[in-house]
Amino acid sequence: MNAPCSTDSISYFASPLGQLRICHDGHAIFALDYQTVERTNTVSTITLPHIWQQALADYFAGELDALLNLPVQLQQGTLFQQQVWLALRQIPAGCTWSYRQLAQAIDRPQAMRAVGQALSKNPVSVILPCHRVILQSGGLGGYAGSSDLGQLRKQFLLWHECGFGAQRTPSCPPHERDRHGTSHPHWHRTSHRKLMHEQ
């Protein structure tokens, strides 16, 4: 987790991507990342507010706008990084922007590299959806440290959002139709199985 969290300000949420670790004070969320080590019984946690639990559950159940009103408070980062992170909420669920588009959205069209570096430090994954930023060429780009598992998580989130019929624009990931005629991202069949195997 990028943001420092005391043990009494951490909650966990079980998601299809594994345990999400959430740093908060009950009023705002400071950080959200993926639990990468096994939890022990000696770690004390606090209860995640029910309305936040429901919002996360609704999102993973297909209500893609459920996270829009979750309160986020950024406690780290430069002003530029915070500007990049907050701009992520402008990207509709089910669509993607390139690093260039995100740089243009914050009126820094030449700052694509700096935008990418800021995204690599995004402290609030999923809620501030850096997974919706991909390469101009259509490649995934980095996510969660650019590990293989990070790439699978990014693929899963894009599949999840596009698979629930979110707004389609030319910036949305490519799709193919299955035998029932339903539109799905082209990476669906492999990424979901691999991710579940890794958990």
Protein backbone atom coordinates (compact mmCIF):
# COMPACT_ATOMS: atom_id res chain seq x y z
CA MET A 1 0.00 0.00 0.00
CA ASN A 2 1.35 3.38 -0.95
CA ALA A 3 -0.22 5.28 1.92
CA PRO A 4 1.02 4.55 5.45
CA CYS A 5 -1.76 3.01 7.54
CA SER A 6 -1.82 2.25 11.23
CA THR A 7 -3.17 -1.18 12.09
CA ASP A 8 -6.29 0.35 13.65
CA SER A 9 -7.34 2.06 10.41
CA ILE A 10 -7.38 -0.93 8.06
CA SER A 11 -10.36 -2.92 6.81
CA TYR A 12 -10.57 -5.77 4.34
CA PHE A 13 -13.08 -6.57 1.63
CA ALA A 14 -13.31 -9.93 -0.14
CA SER A 15 -13.56 -9.32 -3.88
CA PRO A 16 -13.25 -11.47 -7.02
CA LEU A 17 -9.69 -10.11 -7.21
CA GLY A 18 -8.86 -11.34 -3.72
CA GLN A 19 -8.72 -9.40 -0.47
CA LEU A 20 -8.76 -5.63 -0.87
CA ARG A 21 -7.04 -3.72 1.93
CA ILE A 22 -8.63 -0.36 2.67
CA CYS A 23 -7.12 2.40 4.78
CA HIS A 24 -9.71 4.84 6.16
CA ASP A 25 -11.00 6.66 9.20
CA GLY A 26 -14.68 5.82 8.78
CA HIS A 27 -15.31 9.11 7.00
CA ALA A 28 -13.01 8.93 3.99
CA ILE A 29 -10.86 6.36 2.20
CA PHE A 30 -7.14 7.11 2.10
CA ALA A 31 -5.87 4.05 0.24
CA LEU A 32 -7.04 0.80 -1.34
CA ASP A 33 -4.76 -1.92 -2.62
CA TYR A 34 -4.53 -5.67 -3.07
CA GLN A 35 -3.56 -7.79 -0.10
CA THR A 36 -0.36 -9.52 -1.17
CA VAL A 37 0.59 -11.36 2.02
CA GLU A 38 -1.48 -13.69 4.16
CA ARG A 39 -3.29 -11.99 7.00
CA THR A 40 -2.56 -13.10 10.55
CA ASN A 41 -4.89 -13.14 13.51
CA THR A 42 -2.63 -10.70 15.33
CA VAL A 43 -3.47 -7.84 12.95
CA SER A 44 -6.25 -5.67 14.34
CA THR A 45 -8.71 -4.11 11.92
CA ILE A 46 -11.75 -1.85 12.00
CA THR A 47 -15.10 -2.51 10.39
CA LEU A 48 -15.66 -1.04 6.97
CA PRO A 49 -18.80 1.13 7.01
CA HIS A 50 -21.74 -0.88 5.71
CA ILE A 51 -22.59 1.60 2.98
CA TRP A 52 -19.05 1.25 1.60
CA GLN A 53 -19.23 -2.54 1.79
CA GLN A 54 -22.49 -2.40 -0.14
CA ALA A 55 -21.03 -0.06 -2.76
CA LEU A 56 -18.10 -2.40 -3.38
CA ALA A 57 -20.38 -5.44 -3.49
CA ASP A 58 -22.70 -3.66 -5.92
CA TYR A 59 -19.80 -2.71 -8.17
CA PHE A 60 -18.54 -6.27 -8.43
CA ALA A 61 -22.13 -7.41 -9.00
CA GLY A 62 -22.37 -5.17 -12.05
CA GLU A 63 -23.59 -1.78 -10.77
CA LEU A 64 -20.61 0.01 -12.24
CA ASP A 65 -21.41 3.48 -10.93
CA ALA A 66 -21.67 2.28 -7.33
CA LEU A 67 -18.19 3.56 -6.43
CA LEU A 68 -18.67 7.11 -7.70
CA ASN A 69 -19.83 8.51 -4.37
CA LEU A 70 -17.32 6.76 -2.12
CA PRO A 71 -15.43 9.50 -0.27
CA VAL A 72 -11.72 9.67 -1.05
CA GLN A 73 -9.20 11.85 0.75
CA LEU A 74 -5.71 12.01 -0.70
CA GLN A 75 -3.07 12.24 2.01
CA GLN A 76 0.00 11.94 -0.17
CA GLY A 77 1.39 12.87 -3.56
CA THR A 78 2.33 16.11 -5.27
CA LEU A 79 -0.35 18.48 -6.53
CA PHE A 80 0.25 17.14 -10.03
CA GLN A 81 -0.13 13.52 -8.92
CA GLN A 82 -3.32 14.31 -7.04
CA GLN A 83 -4.68 16.09 -10.10
CA VAL A 84 -4.00 12.98 -12.19
CA TRP A 85 -5.54 10.62 -9.63
CA LEU A 86 -8.73 12.66 -9.23
CA ALA A 87 -9.12 13.03 -13.01
CA LEU A 88 -9.48 9.25 -13.24
CA ARG A 89 -13.07 9.57 -12.03
CA GLN A 90 -13.90 11.34 -15.29
CA ILE A 91 -13.42 8.09 -17.24
CA PRO A 92 -16.79 6.32 -17.56
CA ALA A 93 -16.94 2.69 -16.45
CA GLY A 94 -16.70 0.45 -19.47
CA CYS A 95 -14.48 2.85 -21.41
CA THR A 96 -10.77 3.50 -21.54
CA TRP A 97 -8.56 6.54 -22.09
CA SER A 98 -5.00 6.60 -23.32
CA TYR A 99 -2.26 8.25 -21.28
CA ARG A 100 -2.43 11.07 -23.85
CA GLN A 101 -6.16 11.58 -23.27
CA LEU A 102 -5.66 11.73 -19.53
CA ALA A 103 -2.82 14.25 -19.93
CA GLN A 104 -5.08 16.37 -22.13
CA ALA A 105 -7.89 16.19 -19.59
CA ILE A 106 -5.69 17.90 -16.99
CA ASP A 107 -4.40 20.44 -19.56
CA ARG A 108 -0.93 18.91 -19.61
CA PRO A 109 -0.90 17.34 -23.10
CA GLN A 110 2.88 16.88 -23.16
CA ALA A 111 3.05 15.22 -19.75
CA MET A 112 2.17 11.67 -20.80
CA ARG A 113 5.24 10.14 -19.17
CA ALA A 114 4.63 12.02 -15.93
CA VAL A 115 1.00 10.92 -16.02
CA GLY A 116 2.10 7.30 -16.32
CA GLN A 117 4.47 7.70 -13.39
CA ALA A 118 1.69 9.25 -11.30
CA LEU A 119 -0.64 6.36 -12.11
CA SER A 120 1.96 3.88 -10.89
CA LYS A 121 1.65 5.53 -7.47
CA ASN A 122 -2.15 5.71 -7.37
CA PRO A 123 -3.00 5.00 -3.71
CA VAL A 124 -6.69 4.19 -4.24
CA SER A 125 -7.02 1.37 -6.77
CA VAL A 126 -10.40 0.50 -8.30
CA ILE A 127 -12.16 3.55 -6.81
CA LEU A 128 -9.78 5.89 -8.63
CA PRO A 129 -9.81 3.69 -11.75
CA CYS A 130 -6.29 3.76 -13.17
CA HIS A 131 -7.11 0.39 -14.77
CA ARG A 132 -9.09 2.34 -17.38
CA VAL A 133 -5.93 3.96 -18.77
CA ILE A 134 -4.24 2.00 -21.54
CA LEU A 135 -1.64 2.57 -24.23
CA GLN A 136 -2.47 4.56 -27.36
CA SER A 137 -1.83 1.36 -29.34
CA GLY A 138 -4.51 -0.50 -27.36
CA GLY A 139 -2.05 -2.41 -25.18
CA LEU A 140 -2.85 -2.68 -21.50
CA GLY A 141 0.10 -0.73 -20.11
CA GLY A 142 1.12 -1.13 -16.49
CA TYR A 143 -0.98 -1.88 -13.43
CA ALA A 144 -0.21 -2.71 -9.81
CA GLY A 145 3.53 -2.87 -10.36
CA SER A 146 3.21 -4.39 -13.86
CA SER A 147 3.51 -7.93 -12.48
CA ASP A 148 1.77 -10.76 -14.29
CA LEU A 149 -0.89 -10.81 -11.59
CA GLY A 150 -1.29 -7.04 -11.91
CA GLN A 151 -1.89 -7.41 -15.63
CA LEU A 152 -4.51 -10.09 -14.98
CA ARG A 153 -6.26 -7.85 -12.48
CA LYS A 154 -6.37 -5.03 -15.02
CA GLN A 155 -7.73 -7.39 -17.67
CA PHE A 156 -10.37 -8.67 -15.25
CA LEU A 157 -11.56 -5.17 -14.31
CA LEU A 158 -11.84 -4.10 -17.95
CA TRP A 159 -13.68 -7.33 -18.80
CA HIS A 160 -15.98 -6.86 -15.80
CA GLU A 161 -16.89 -3.30 -16.72
CA CYS A 162 -17.40 -3.90 -20.43
CA GLY A 163 -19.21 -7.17 -19.85
CA PHE A 164 -22.01 -5.43 -17.95
CA GLY A 165 -23.01 -3.26 -20.89
CA ALA A 166 -21.51 0.02 -19.76
CA GLN A 167 -21.39 2.98 -22.12
CA ARG A 168 -19.60 2.10 -25.36
CA THR A 169 -17.45 4.68 -27.14
CA PRO A 170 -14.58 4.39 -29.63
CA SER A 171 -12.28 4.49 -26.60
CA CYS A 172 -13.74 1.30 -25.17
CA PRO A 173 -11.70 -1.93 -25.36
CA PRO A 174 -12.25 -4.17 -28.41
CA HIS A 175 -14.93 -6.83 -28.16
CA GLU A 176 -15.95 -10.02 -29.80
CA ARG A 177 -19.30 -11.76 -29.71
CA ASP A 178 -19.79 -15.10 -28.04
CA ARG A 179 -22.06 -17.82 -29.36
CA HIS A 180 -25.06 -16.14 -27.69
CA GLY A 181 -24.37 -12.84 -29.46
CA THR A 182 -23.31 -11.07 -26.26
CA SER A 183 -20.44 -8.61 -26.49
CA HIS A 184 -17.39 -9.44 -24.37
CA PRO A 185 -13.79 -8.21 -24.33
CA HIS A 186 -11.48 -10.42 -26.36
CA TRP A 187 -9.34 -11.32 -23.32
CA HIS A 188 -12.21 -12.75 -21.23
CA ARG A 189 -11.71 -16.47 -21.67
CA THR A 190 -8.11 -16.60 -20.47
CA SER A 191 -7.70 -13.75 -17.99
CA HIS A 192 -10.57 -14.72 -15.68
CA ARG A 193 -9.47 -18.34 -15.38
CA LYS A 194 -5.82 -17.37 -14.78
CA LEU A 195 -6.75 -14.83 -12.11
CA MET A 196 -8.90 -17.28 -10.19
CA HIS A 197 -6.06 -19.82 -10.35
CA GLU A 198 -3.59 -17.28 -8.89
CA GLN A 199 -5.72 -16.46 -5.83
